PDB file of N, CA and C in Angstrom:
ATOM      1  N   UNK A   1     139.652 147.470  80.855  1.00  0.00           N
ATOM      2  CA  UNK A   1     140.400 147.068  79.435  1.00  0.00           C
ATOM      3  C   UNK A   1     140.720 148.317  78.392  1.00  0.00           C
ATOM      4  N   UNK A   2     141.504 147.814  77.734  1.00  0.00           N
ATOM      5  CA  UNK A   2     142.392 148.732  76.736  1.00  0.00           C
ATOM      6  C   UNK A   2     141.800 148.264  75.446  1.00  0.00           C
ATOM      7  N   UNK A   3     141.779 149.004  74.456  1.00  0.00           N
ATOM      8  CA  UNK A   3     141.429 149.280  73.141  1.00  0.00           C
ATOM      9  C   UNK A   3     142.205 150.955  72.641  1.00  0.00           C
ATOM     10  N   UNK A   4     142.849 150.171  71.522  1.00  0.00           N
ATOM     11  CA  UNK A   4     143.019 150.660  70.708  1.00  0.00           C
ATOM     12  C   UNK A   4     142.454 151.540  69.676  1.00  0.00           C
ATOM     13  N   UNK A   5     142.924 153.171  69.550  1.00  0.00           N
ATOM     14  CA  UNK A   5     142.140 153.688  69.194  1.00  0.00           C
ATOM     15  C   UNK A   5     143.011 154.712  67.740  1.00  0.00           C
ATOM     16  N   UNK A   6     142.583 154.203  66.596  1.00  0.00           N
ATOM     17  CA  UNK A   6     143.435 154.638  65.360  1.00  0.00           C
ATOM     18  C   UNK A   6     142.271 156.139  64.467  1.00  0.00           C
ATOM     19  N   UNK A   7     143.135 157.542  64.187  1.00  0.00           N
ATOM     20  CA  UNK A   7     142.325 158.465  63.665  1.00  0.00           C
ATOM     21  C   UNK A   7     142.892 158.560  62.359  1.00  0.00           C
ATOM     22  N   UNK A   8     141.864 158.819  61.684  1.00  0.00           N
ATOM     23  CA  UNK A   8     142.180 158.721  60.425  1.00  0.00           C
ATOM     24  C   UNK A   8     141.807 160.563  59.290  1.00  0.00           C
ATOM     25  N   UNK A   9     142.634 161.153  58.823  1.00  0.00           N
ATOM     26  CA  UNK A   9     142.445 162.810  58.265  1.00  0.00           C
ATOM     27  C   UNK A   9     142.111 163.681  59.240  1.00  0.00           C
ATOM     28  N   UNK A  10     141.303 164.248  58.921  1.00  0.00           N
ATOM     29  CA  UNK A  10     141.463 165.412  59.858  1.00  0.00           C
ATOM     30  C   UNK A  10     141.454 165.390  61.438  1.00  0.00           C
ATOM     31  N   UNK A  11     140.552 163.946  61.682  1.00  0.00           N
ATOM     32  CA  UNK A  11     140.718 163.946  63.311  1.00  0.00           C
ATOM     33  C   UNK A  11     142.040 163.726  63.582  1.00  0.00           C
ATOM     34  N   UNK A  12     142.964 163.191  62.523  1.00  0.00           N
ATOM     35  CA  UNK A  12     144.210 163.370  63.081  1.00  0.00           C
ATOM     36  C   UNK A  12     144.854 164.311  63.329  1.00  0.00           C
ATOM     37  N   UNK A  13     144.737 164.985  62.551  1.00  0.00           N
ATOM     38  CA  UNK A  13     145.460 166.405  62.279  1.00  0.00           C
ATOM     39  C   UNK A  13     144.826 167.268  63.944  1.00  0.00           C
ATOM     40  N   UNK A  14     143.233 167.055  63.995  1.00  0.00           N
ATOM     41  CA  UNK A  14     142.972 167.693  65.065  1.00  0.00           C
ATOM     42  C   UNK A  14     143.465 167.219  66.296  1.00  0.00           C
ATOM     43  N   UNK A  15     144.023 166.083  66.478  1.00  0.00           N
ATOM     44  CA  UNK A  15     144.228 165.297  68.087  1.00  0.00           C
ATOM     45  C   UNK A  15     145.754 165.249  67.646  1.00  0.00           C
ATOM     46  N   UNK A  16     146.599 165.223  66.598  1.00  0.00           N
ATOM     47  CA  UNK A  16     148.077 165.037  66.902  1.00  0.00           C
ATOM     48  C   UNK A  16     148.722 164.187  67.420  1.00  0.00           C
ATOM     49  N   UNK A  17     147.590 163.177  66.897  1.00  0.00           N
ATOM     50  CA  UNK A  17     148.536 161.527  66.955  1.00  0.00           C
ATOM     51  C   UNK A  17     147.489 160.748  65.997  1.00  0.00           C
ATOM     52  N   UNK A  18     148.095 159.009  65.684  1.00  0.00           N
ATOM     53  CA  UNK A  18     147.218 158.748  64.600  1.00  0.00           C
ATOM     54  C   UNK A  18     146.895 157.541  65.791  1.00  0.00           C
ATOM     55  N   UNK A  19     147.428 156.978  66.955  1.00  0.00           N
ATOM     56  CA  UNK A  19     147.125 156.060  67.608  1.00  0.00           C
ATOM     57  C   UNK A  19     147.049 156.224  69.098  1.00  0.00           C
ATOM     58  N   UNK A  20     146.020 155.961  69.767  1.00  0.00           N
ATOM     59  CA  UNK A  20     146.360 155.938  71.461  1.00  0.00           C
ATOM     60  C   UNK A  20     145.494 154.682  72.261  1.00  0.00           C
ATOM     61  N   UNK A  21     146.163 154.257  73.324  1.00  0.00           N
ATOM     62  CA  UNK A  21     145.192 153.481  74.018  1.00  0.00           C
ATOM     63  C   UNK A  21     144.612 153.941  75.115  1.00  0.00           C
ATOM     64  N   UNK A  22     143.125 153.628  75.087  1.00  0.00           N
ATOM     65  CA  UNK A  22     142.211 154.081  75.586  1.00  0.00           C
ATOM     66  C   UNK A  22     142.299 152.925  76.545  1.00  0.00           C
ATOM     67  N   UNK A  23     141.968 153.546  77.912  1.00  0.00           N
ATOM     68  CA  UNK A  23     141.644 152.814  79.200  1.00  0.00           C
ATOM     69  C   UNK A  23     139.519 152.857  79.446  1.00  0.00           C
ATOM     70  N   UNK A  24     138.988 151.791  79.403  1.00  0.00           N
ATOM     71  CA  UNK A  24     137.649 152.150  79.218  1.00  0.00           C
ATOM     72  C   UNK A  24     137.122 150.783  80.264  1.00  0.00           C
ATOM     73  N   UNK A  25     136.078 150.947  81.220  1.00  0.00           N
ATOM     74  CA  UNK A  25     135.501 150.054  82.270  1.00  0.00           C
ATOM     75  C   UNK A  25     134.748 148.731  81.493  1.00  0.00           C
ATOM     76  N   UNK A  26     134.773 147.706  81.850  1.00  0.00           N
ATOM     77  CA  UNK A  26     134.724 146.308  80.988  1.00  0.00           C
ATOM     78  C   UNK A  26     132.965 147.119  80.659  1.00  0.00           C
ATOM     79  N   UNK A  27     132.460 146.647  80.190  1.00  0.00           N
ATOM     80  CA  UNK A  27     131.388 146.523  78.786  1.00  0.00           C
ATOM     81  C   UNK A  27     130.880 147.778  78.232  1.00  0.00           C
ATOM     82  N   UNK A  28     132.051 148.446  78.290  1.00  0.00           N
ATOM     83  CA  UNK A  28     131.879 149.652  77.158  1.00  0.00           C
ATOM     84  C   UNK A  28     131.477 149.452  76.033  1.00  0.00           C
ATOM     85  N   UNK A  29     130.784 150.698  75.533  1.00  0.00           N
ATOM     86  CA  UNK A  29     130.222 150.536  74.260  1.00  0.00           C
ATOM     87  C   UNK A  29     131.164 151.626  73.036  1.00  0.00           C
ATOM     88  N   UNK A  30     130.891 151.674  71.869  1.00  0.00           N
ATOM     89  CA  UNK A  30     131.394 152.503  71.108  1.00  0.00           C
ATOM     90  C   UNK A  30     131.026 153.959  71.535  1.00  0.00           C
ATOM     91  N   UNK A  31     129.642 154.217  72.111  1.00  0.00           N
ATOM     92  CA  UNK A  31     129.401 155.247  72.429  1.00  0.00           C
ATOM     93  C   UNK A  31     130.148 156.148  73.500  1.00  0.00           C
ATOM     94  N   UNK A  32     130.594 154.958  74.410  1.00  0.00           N
ATOM     95  CA  UNK A  32     131.021 155.304  75.422  1.00  0.00           C
ATOM     96  C   UNK A  32     132.654 155.971  75.135  1.00  0.00           C
ATOM     97  N   UNK A  33     133.341 155.104  74.021  1.00  0.00           N
ATOM     98  CA  UNK A  33     134.692 155.416  73.899  1.00  0.00           C
ATOM     99  C   UNK A  33     134.709 156.700  72.824  1.00  0.00           C
ATOM    100  N   UNK A  34     133.634 156.964  72.824  1.00  0.00           N
ATOM    101  CA  UNK A  34     133.844 158.007  71.580  1.00  0.00           C
ATOM    102  C   UNK A  34     133.494 159.540  73.358  1.00  0.00           C
ATOM    103  N   UNK A  35     132.485 159.067  73.785  1.00  0.00           N
ATOM    104  CA  UNK A  35     132.432 160.508  75.264  1.00  0.00           C
ATOM    105  C   UNK A  35     133.517 160.522  75.892  1.00  0.00           C
ATOM    106  N   UNK A  36     134.279 159.154  75.936  1.00  0.00           N
ATOM    107  CA  UNK A  36     135.879 159.305  76.709  1.00  0.00           C
ATOM    108  C   UNK A  36     137.147 160.124  75.980  1.00  0.00           C
ATOM    109  N   UNK A  37     136.782 159.808  74.640  1.00  0.00           N
ATOM    110  CA  UNK A  37     137.899 160.436  73.852  1.00  0.00           C
ATOM    111  C   UNK A  37     137.400 162.185  73.729  1.00  0.00           C
ATOM    112  N   UNK A  38     136.021 162.203  73.777  1.00  0.00           N
ATOM    113  CA  UNK A  38     135.785 163.851  73.623  1.00  0.00           C
ATOM    114  C   UNK A  38     136.070 164.403  75.327  1.00  0.00           C
ATOM    115  N   UNK A  39     135.939 163.339  76.299  1.00  0.00           N
ATOM    116  CA  UNK A  39     136.360 164.082  77.156  1.00  0.00           C
ATOM    117  C   UNK A  39     138.326 164.092  77.728  1.00  0.00           C
ATOM    118  N   UNK A  40     138.955 163.679  76.890  1.00  0.00           N
ATOM    119  CA  UNK A  40     140.364 163.852  77.081  1.00  0.00           C
ATOM    120  C   UNK A  40     140.801 164.619  76.047  1.00  0.00           C
ATOM    121  N   UNK A  41     140.278 164.556  74.835  1.00  0.00           N
ATOM    122  CA  UNK A  41     140.695 165.190  73.539  1.00  0.00           C
ATOM    123  C   UNK A  41     139.369 166.416  73.111  1.00  0.00           C
ATOM    124  N   UNK A  42     138.926 167.250  73.584  1.00  0.00           N
ATOM    125  CA  UNK A  42     138.128 168.258  73.695  1.00  0.00           C
ATOM    126  C   UNK A  42     138.022 168.632  71.895  1.00  0.00           C
ATOM    127  N   UNK A  43     139.222 168.630  71.485  1.00  0.00           N
ATOM    128  CA  UNK A  43     139.210 169.684  70.326  1.00  0.00           C
ATOM    129  C   UNK A  43     138.549 168.159  69.094  1.00  0.00           C
ATOM    130  N   UNK A  44     138.486 167.407  69.734  1.00  0.00           N
ATOM    131  CA  UNK A  44     137.969 166.065  68.621  1.00  0.00           C
ATOM    132  C   UNK A  44     136.531 166.695  68.141  1.00  0.00           C
ATOM    133  N   UNK A  45     135.916 166.553  69.557  1.00  0.00           N
ATOM    134  CA  UNK A  45     134.273 166.962  69.369  1.00  0.00           C
ATOM    135  C   UNK A  45     133.886 165.636  68.255  1.00  0.00           C
ATOM    136  N   UNK A  46     134.143 164.309  68.269  1.00  0.00           N
ATOM    137  CA  UNK A  46     133.968 163.129  67.909  1.00  0.00           C
ATOM    138  C   UNK A  46     132.279 162.899  67.590  1.00  0.00           C
ATOM    139  N   UNK A  47     131.505 163.106  69.161  1.00  0.00           N
ATOM    140  CA  UNK A  47     130.150 162.871  69.891  1.00  0.00           C
ATOM    141  C   UNK A  47     129.443 164.226  68.868  1.00  0.00           C
ATOM    142  N   UNK A  48     130.314 165.125  68.529  1.00  0.00           N
ATOM    143  CA  UNK A  48     129.092 166.304  67.516  1.00  0.00           C
ATOM    144  C   UNK A  48     129.278 166.153  66.335  1.00  0.00           C
ATOM    145  N   UNK A  49     130.084 165.242  65.260  1.00  0.00           N
ATOM    146  CA  UNK A  49     130.222 165.610  64.214  1.00  0.00           C
ATOM    147  C   UNK A  49     130.065 164.315  63.843  1.00  0.00           C
ATOM    148  N   UNK A  50     129.596 164.322  62.215  1.00  0.00           N
ATOM    149  CA  UNK A  50     129.376 163.525  61.606  1.00  0.00           C
ATOM    150  C   UNK A  50     130.795 162.237  61.344  1.00  0.00           C
ATOM    151  N   UNK A  51     130.907 161.017  61.653  1.00  0.00           N
ATOM    152  CA  UNK A  51     132.351 160.286  61.686  1.00  0.00           C
ATOM    153  C   UNK A  51     131.738 158.663  61.627  1.00  0.00           C
ATOM    154  N   UNK A  52     132.431 157.851  60.981  1.00  0.00           N
ATOM    155  CA  UNK A  52     132.207 156.412  60.842  1.00  0.00           C
ATOM    156  C   UNK A  52     133.266 156.253  61.495  1.00  0.00           C
ATOM    157  N   UNK A  53     132.934 154.975  62.198  1.00  0.00           N
ATOM    158  CA  UNK A  53     133.624 154.109  63.027  1.00  0.00           C
ATOM    159  C   UNK A  53     133.907 152.761  62.679  1.00  0.00           C
ATOM    160  N   UNK A  54     134.702 152.015  62.696  1.00  0.00           N
ATOM    161  CA  UNK A  54     135.050 150.862  62.526  1.00  0.00           C
ATOM    162  C   UNK A  54     135.709 149.924  64.210  1.00  0.00           C
ATOM    163  N   UNK A  55     135.138 148.842  64.046  1.00  0.00           N
ATOM    164  CA  UNK A  55     135.823 148.224  65.433  1.00  0.00           C
ATOM    165  C   UNK A  55     136.226 146.761  64.571  1.00  0.00           C
ATOM    166  N   UNK A  56     137.397 146.714  64.778  1.00  0.00           N
ATOM    167  CA  UNK A  56     138.289 145.643  64.404  1.00  0.00           C
ATOM    168  C   UNK A  56     137.976 145.714  62.775  1.00  0.00           C
ATOM    169  N   UNK A  57     138.316 146.461  62.312  1.00  0.00           N
ATOM    170  CA  UNK A  57     137.889 146.675  60.403  1.00  0.00           C
ATOM    171  C   UNK A  57     136.464 146.410  59.734  1.00  0.00           C
ATOM    172  N   UNK A  58     135.702 146.623  61.172  1.00  0.00           N
ATOM    173  CA  UNK A  58     133.908 146.403  60.594  1.00  0.00           C
ATOM    174  C   UNK A  58     133.379 147.736  60.801  1.00  0.00           C
ATOM    175  N   UNK A  59     132.303 147.888  60.654  1.00  0.00           N
ATOM    176  CA  UNK A  59     131.603 148.834  60.570  1.00  0.00           C
ATOM    177  C   UNK A  59     130.897 148.935  61.981  1.00  0.00           C
ATOM    178  N   UNK A  60     130.598 149.884  62.887  1.00  0.00           N
ATOM    179  CA  UNK A  60     130.188 149.491  64.181  1.00  0.00           C
ATOM    180  C   UNK A  60     128.893 150.807  64.169  1.00  0.00           C
ATOM    181  N   UNK A  61     127.758 150.164  65.582  1.00  0.00           N
ATOM    182  CA  UNK A  61     126.936 151.483  65.916  1.00  0.00           C
ATOM    183  C   UNK A  61     127.800 151.317  67.064  1.00  0.00           C
ATOM    184  N   UNK A  62     126.826 152.563  67.595  1.00  0.00           N
ATOM    185  CA  UNK A  62     127.340 153.066  68.913  1.00  0.00           C
ATOM    186  C   UNK A  62     126.945 152.444  70.253  1.00  0.00           C
ATOM    187  N   UNK A  63     126.049 151.259  69.943  1.00  0.00           N
ATOM    188  CA  UNK A  63     125.872 150.769  71.140  1.00  0.00           C
ATOM    189  C   UNK A  63     126.595 149.655  71.145  1.00  0.00           C
ATOM    190  N   UNK A  64     127.237 149.140  70.063  1.00  0.00           N
ATOM    191  CA  UNK A  64     128.320 147.735  69.847  1.00  0.00           C
ATOM    192  C   UNK A  64     129.265 147.839  71.378  1.00  0.00           C
ATOM    193  N   UNK A  65     128.801 146.559  71.960  1.00  0.00           N
ATOM    194  CA  UNK A  65     130.267 146.536  73.223  1.00  0.00           C
ATOM    195  C   UNK A  65     131.725 146.442  72.392  1.00  0.00           C
ATOM    196  N   UNK A  66     132.152 147.026  73.276  1.00  0.00           N
ATOM    197  CA  UNK A  66     133.545 146.746  72.810  1.00  0.00           C
ATOM    198  C   UNK A  66     134.399 145.891  74.020  1.00  0.00           C
ATOM    199  N   UNK A  67     135.325 145.375  73.658  1.00  0.00           N
ATOM    200  CA  UNK A  67     136.172 144.296  74.421  1.00  0.00           C
ATOM    201  C   UNK A  67     137.596 144.374  74.339  1.00  0.00           C
ATOM    202  N   UNK A  68     138.476 143.998  75.611  1.00  0.00           N
ATOM    203  CA  UNK A  68     139.865 144.460  75.806  1.00  0.00           C
ATOM    204  C   UNK A  68     140.488 144.295  74.446  1.00  0.00           C
ATOM    205  N   UNK A  69     141.719 144.689  73.739  1.00  0.00           N
ATOM    206  CA  UNK A  69     142.507 144.685  72.697  1.00  0.00           C
ATOM    207  C   UNK A  69     141.617 145.210  71.563  1.00  0.00           C
ATOM    208  N   UNK A  70     140.323 145.278  71.301  1.00  0.00           N
ATOM    209  CA  UNK A  70     139.848 146.144  70.047  1.00  0.00           C
ATOM    210  C   UNK A  70     140.025 147.284  69.718  1.00  0.00           C
ATOM    211  N   UNK A  71     139.887 147.196  68.304  1.00  0.00           N
ATOM    212  CA  UNK A  71     140.469 148.262  67.468  1.00  0.00           C
ATOM    213  C   UNK A  71     139.635 149.421  66.971  1.00  0.00           C
ATOM    214  N   UNK A  72     139.597 150.546  67.712  1.00  0.00           N
ATOM    215  CA  UNK A  72     138.604 151.539  67.389  1.00  0.00           C
ATOM    216  C   UNK A  72     139.398 152.706  66.097  1.00  0.00           C
ATOM    217  N   UNK A  73     138.621 152.131  65.104  1.00  0.00           N
ATOM    218  CA  UNK A  73     138.773 153.235  63.935  1.00  0.00           C
ATOM    219  C   UNK A  73     138.169 154.441  63.424  1.00  0.00           C
ATOM    220  N   UNK A  74     138.229 155.668  63.493  1.00  0.00           N
ATOM    221  CA  UNK A  74     137.277 156.624  63.545  1.00  0.00           C
ATOM    222  C   UNK A  74     137.814 157.324  62.264  1.00  0.00           C
ATOM    223  N   UNK A  75     136.924 157.806  61.449  1.00  0.00           N
ATOM    224  CA  UNK A  75     137.577 158.675  60.404  1.00  0.00           C
ATOM    225  C   UNK A  75     136.055 159.524  59.824  1.00  0.00           C
ATOM    226  N   UNK A  76     136.207 160.715  59.313  1.00  0.00           N
ATOM    227  CA  UNK A  76     135.478 161.638  58.660  1.00  0.00           C
ATOM    228  C   UNK A  76     134.589 161.176  57.374  1.00  0.00           C
ATOM    229  N   UNK A  77     133.315 161.193  56.616  1.00  0.00           N
ATOM    230  CA  UNK A  77     133.493 160.573  55.409  1.00  0.00           C
ATOM    231  C   UNK A  77     134.322 161.773  54.643  1.00  0.00           C
ATOM    232  N   UNK A  78     134.267 160.945  52.904  1.00  0.00           N
ATOM    233  CA  UNK A  78     134.965 161.328  52.457  1.00  0.00           C
ATOM    234  C   UNK A  78     134.388 162.149  51.080  1.00  0.00           C
ATOM    235  N   UNK A  79     134.581 163.378  50.630  1.00  0.00           N
ATOM    236  CA  UNK A  79     133.842 163.500  49.523  1.00  0.00           C
ATOM    237  C   UNK A  79     134.809 164.307  48.448  1.00  0.00           C
ATOM    238  N   UNK A  80     134.087 164.500  47.152  1.00  0.00           N
ATOM    239  CA  UNK A  80     135.138 165.011  46.227  1.00  0.00           C
ATOM    240  C   UNK A  80     135.839 164.225  45.841  1.00  0.00           C
ATOM    241  N   UNK A  81     136.864 164.389  44.704  1.00  0.00           N
ATOM    242  CA  UNK A  81     137.894 164.066  44.131  1.00  0.00           C
ATOM    243  C   UNK A  81     137.932 163.725  42.720  1.00  0.00           C
ATOM    244  N   UNK A  82     138.390 163.160  42.186  1.00  0.00           N
ATOM    245  CA  UNK A  82     138.462 162.998  40.376  1.00  0.00           C
ATOM    246  C   UNK A  82     137.196 162.554  39.780  1.00  0.00           C
ATOM    247  N   UNK A  83     137.107 163.114  38.837  1.00  0.00           N
ATOM    248  CA  UNK A  83     135.684 162.534  38.260  1.00  0.00           C
ATOM    249  C   UNK A  83     135.523 161.148  37.514  1.00  0.00           C
ATOM    250  N   UNK A  84     137.267 160.676  37.486  1.00  0.00           N
ATOM    251  CA  UNK A  84     137.289 159.466  37.108  1.00  0.00           C
ATOM    252  C   UNK A  84     137.264 158.416  38.116  1.00  0.00           C
ATOM    253  N   UNK A  85     136.742 157.120  37.950  1.00  0.00           N
ATOM    254  CA  UNK A  85     136.628 155.867  38.864  1.00  0.00           C
ATOM    255  C   UNK A  85     138.520 155.543  38.950  1.00  0.00           C
ATOM    256  N   UNK A  86     138.618 155.002  39.825  1.00  0.00           N
ATOM    257  CA  UNK A  86     140.034 154.091  40.012  1.00  0.00           C
ATOM    258  C   UNK A  86     139.842 152.707  40.247  1.00  0.00           C
ATOM    259  N   UNK A  87     139.636 151.686  39.763  1.00  0.00           N
ATOM    260  CA  UNK A  87     139.722 150.590  39.723  1.00  0.00           C
ATOM    261  C   UNK A  87     141.019 149.801  40.719  1.00  0.00           C
ATOM    262  N   UNK A  88     139.598 148.953  42.080  1.00  0.00           N
ATOM    263  CA  UNK A  88     140.736 148.252  43.192  1.00  0.00           C
ATOM    264  C   UNK A  88     142.124 147.970  42.867  1.00  0.00           C
ATOM    265  N   UNK A  89     143.379 147.963  43.727  1.00  0.00           N
ATOM    266  CA  UNK A  89     144.832 147.322  43.242  1.00  0.00           C
ATOM    267  C   UNK A  89     144.435 146.094  43.094  1.00  0.00           C
ATOM    268  N   UNK A  90     144.880 145.964  41.702  1.00  0.00           N
ATOM    269  CA  UNK A  90     145.283 144.939  41.552  1.00  0.00           C
ATOM    270  C   UNK A  90     146.556 144.548  40.809  1.00  0.00           C
ATOM    271  N   UNK A  91     147.438 145.281  41.258  1.00  0.00           N
ATOM    272  CA  UNK A  91     148.834 144.821  40.782  1.00  0.00           C
ATOM    273  C   UNK A  91     149.406 146.511  40.641  1.00  0.00           C
ATOM    274  N   UNK A  92     149.969 146.311  39.237  1.00  0.00           N
ATOM    275  CA  UNK A  92     150.883 147.682  39.292  1.00  0.00           C
ATOM    276  C   UNK A  92     149.528 148.638  38.645  1.00  0.00           C
ATOM    277  N   UNK A  93     150.413 150.192  38.641  1.00  0.00           N
ATOM    278  CA  UNK A  93     148.926 151.270  38.537  1.00  0.00           C
ATOM    279  C   UNK A  93     149.023 151.024  37.272  1.00  0.00           C
ATOM    280  N   UNK A  94     147.529 150.689  36.519  1.00  0.00           N
ATOM    281  CA  UNK A  94     147.489 150.999  34.993  1.00  0.00           C
ATOM    282  C   UNK A  94     146.248 152.090  34.443  1.00  0.00           C
ATOM    283  N   UNK A  95     146.346 153.025  35.483  1.00  0.00           N
ATOM    284  CA  UNK A  95     145.787 154.146  35.352  1.00  0.00           C
ATOM    285  C   UNK A  95     144.300 153.823  35.433  1.00  0.00           C
ATOM    286  N   UNK A  96     143.536 154.951  35.469  1.00  0.00           N
ATOM    287  CA  UNK A  96     142.186 155.234  35.852  1.00  0.00           C
ATOM    288  C   UNK A  96     141.310 154.646  34.912  1.00  0.00           C
ATOM    289  N   UNK A  97     140.282 153.626  35.536  1.00  0.00           N
ATOM    290  CA  UNK A  97     139.353 153.078  35.006  1.00  0.00           C
ATOM    291  C   UNK A  97     138.018 154.051  34.617  1.00  0.00           C
ATOM    292  N   UNK A  98     137.603 154.106  33.454  1.00  0.00           N
ATOM    293  CA  UNK A  98     136.307 155.070  33.372  1.00  0.00           C
ATOM    294  C   UNK A  98     135.169 154.146  32.884  1.00  0.00           C
ATOM    295  N   UNK A  99     135.299 152.888  32.767  1.00  0.00           N
ATOM    296  CA  UNK A  99     134.430 152.056  32.271  1.00  0.00           C
ATOM    297  C   UNK A  99     133.046 151.799  33.303  1.00  0.00           C
ATOM    298  N   UNK A 100     132.237 151.174  32.364  1.00  0.00           N
ATOM    299  CA  UNK A 100     130.809 151.584  33.562  1.00  0.00           C
ATOM    300  C   UNK A 100     130.823 150.239  34.740  1.00  0.00           C
ATOM    301  N   UNK A 101     131.838 149.574  34.944  1.00  0.00           N
ATOM    302  CA  UNK A 101     132.270 148.432  35.719  1.00  0.00           C
ATOM    303  C   UNK A 101     132.819 149.863  36.863  1.00  0.00           C
ATOM    304  N   UNK A 102     133.834 150.373  36.876  1.00  0.00           N
ATOM    305  CA  UNK A 102     135.020 151.516  37.428  1.00  0.00           C
ATOM    306  C   UNK A 102     133.796 151.513  38.927  1.00  0.00           C
ATOM    307  N   UNK A 103     135.164 151.517  40.100  1.00  0.00           N
ATOM    308  CA  UNK A 103     133.989 151.793  41.026  1.00  0.00           C
ATOM    309  C   UNK A 103     135.135 152.496  42.167  1.00  0.00           C
ATOM    310  N   UNK A 104     134.555 152.486  43.162  1.00  0.00           N
ATOM    311  CA  UNK A 104     135.695 153.475  44.297  1.00  0.00           C
ATOM    312  C   UNK A 104     136.385 152.663  44.854  1.00  0.00           C
ATOM    313  N   UNK A 105     137.555 153.068  45.410  1.00  0.00           N
ATOM    314  CA  UNK A 105     138.658 151.895  46.031  1.00  0.00           C
ATOM    315  C   UNK A 105     138.862 152.742  47.849  1.00  0.00           C
ATOM    316  N   UNK A 106     138.724 151.749  48.787  1.00  0.00           N
ATOM    317  CA  UNK A 106     139.097 152.542  50.451  1.00  0.00           C
ATOM    318  C   UNK A 106     139.681 151.293  50.906  1.00  0.00           C
ATOM    319  N   UNK A 107     140.678 151.627  51.262  1.00  0.00           N
ATOM    320  CA  UNK A 107     141.914 151.326  52.029  1.00  0.00           C
ATOM    321  C   UNK A 107     141.778 151.578  53.946  1.00  0.00           C
ATOM    322  N   UNK A 108     142.516 150.588  54.694  1.00  0.00           N
ATOM    323  CA  UNK A 108     142.826 151.287  55.524  1.00  0.00           C
ATOM    324  C   UNK A 108     144.436 151.114  55.472  1.00  0.00           C
ATOM    325  N   UNK A 109     144.760 152.250  56.183  1.00  0.00           N
ATOM    326  CA  UNK A 109     146.312 152.457  55.855  1.00  0.00           C
ATOM    327  C   UNK A 109     146.685 153.102  57.384  1.00  0.00           C
ATOM    328  N   UNK A 110     147.620 151.986  57.101  1.00  0.00           N
ATOM    329  CA  UNK A 110     148.449 152.114  58.489  1.00  0.00           C
ATOM    330  C   UNK A 110     149.303 153.154  58.639  1.00  0.00           C
TER     331      UNK A 110
END
């Protein structure tokens, strides 16, 4: 089976590619895919670092089984940033929201 692997942030920089088709045996899990990525691209060391994993834009655990055509997205934890929080995109940028209900905004980018 084939899955589409998408890398973000420093993982993308380490690999030198944003997307890659990965061939895996049927019944493979997220953990199997990560091990195969480390075998093919040893500079990634995804099995030795803290990362977030999503399958088809839903957070996934290592034991989750993958299926042909799935998208596996890998991204490192994010920290730091501005002291003010930005409200989720609701239209034109109206500036930072520093109110008590302000929260972080996270998106999958193509």
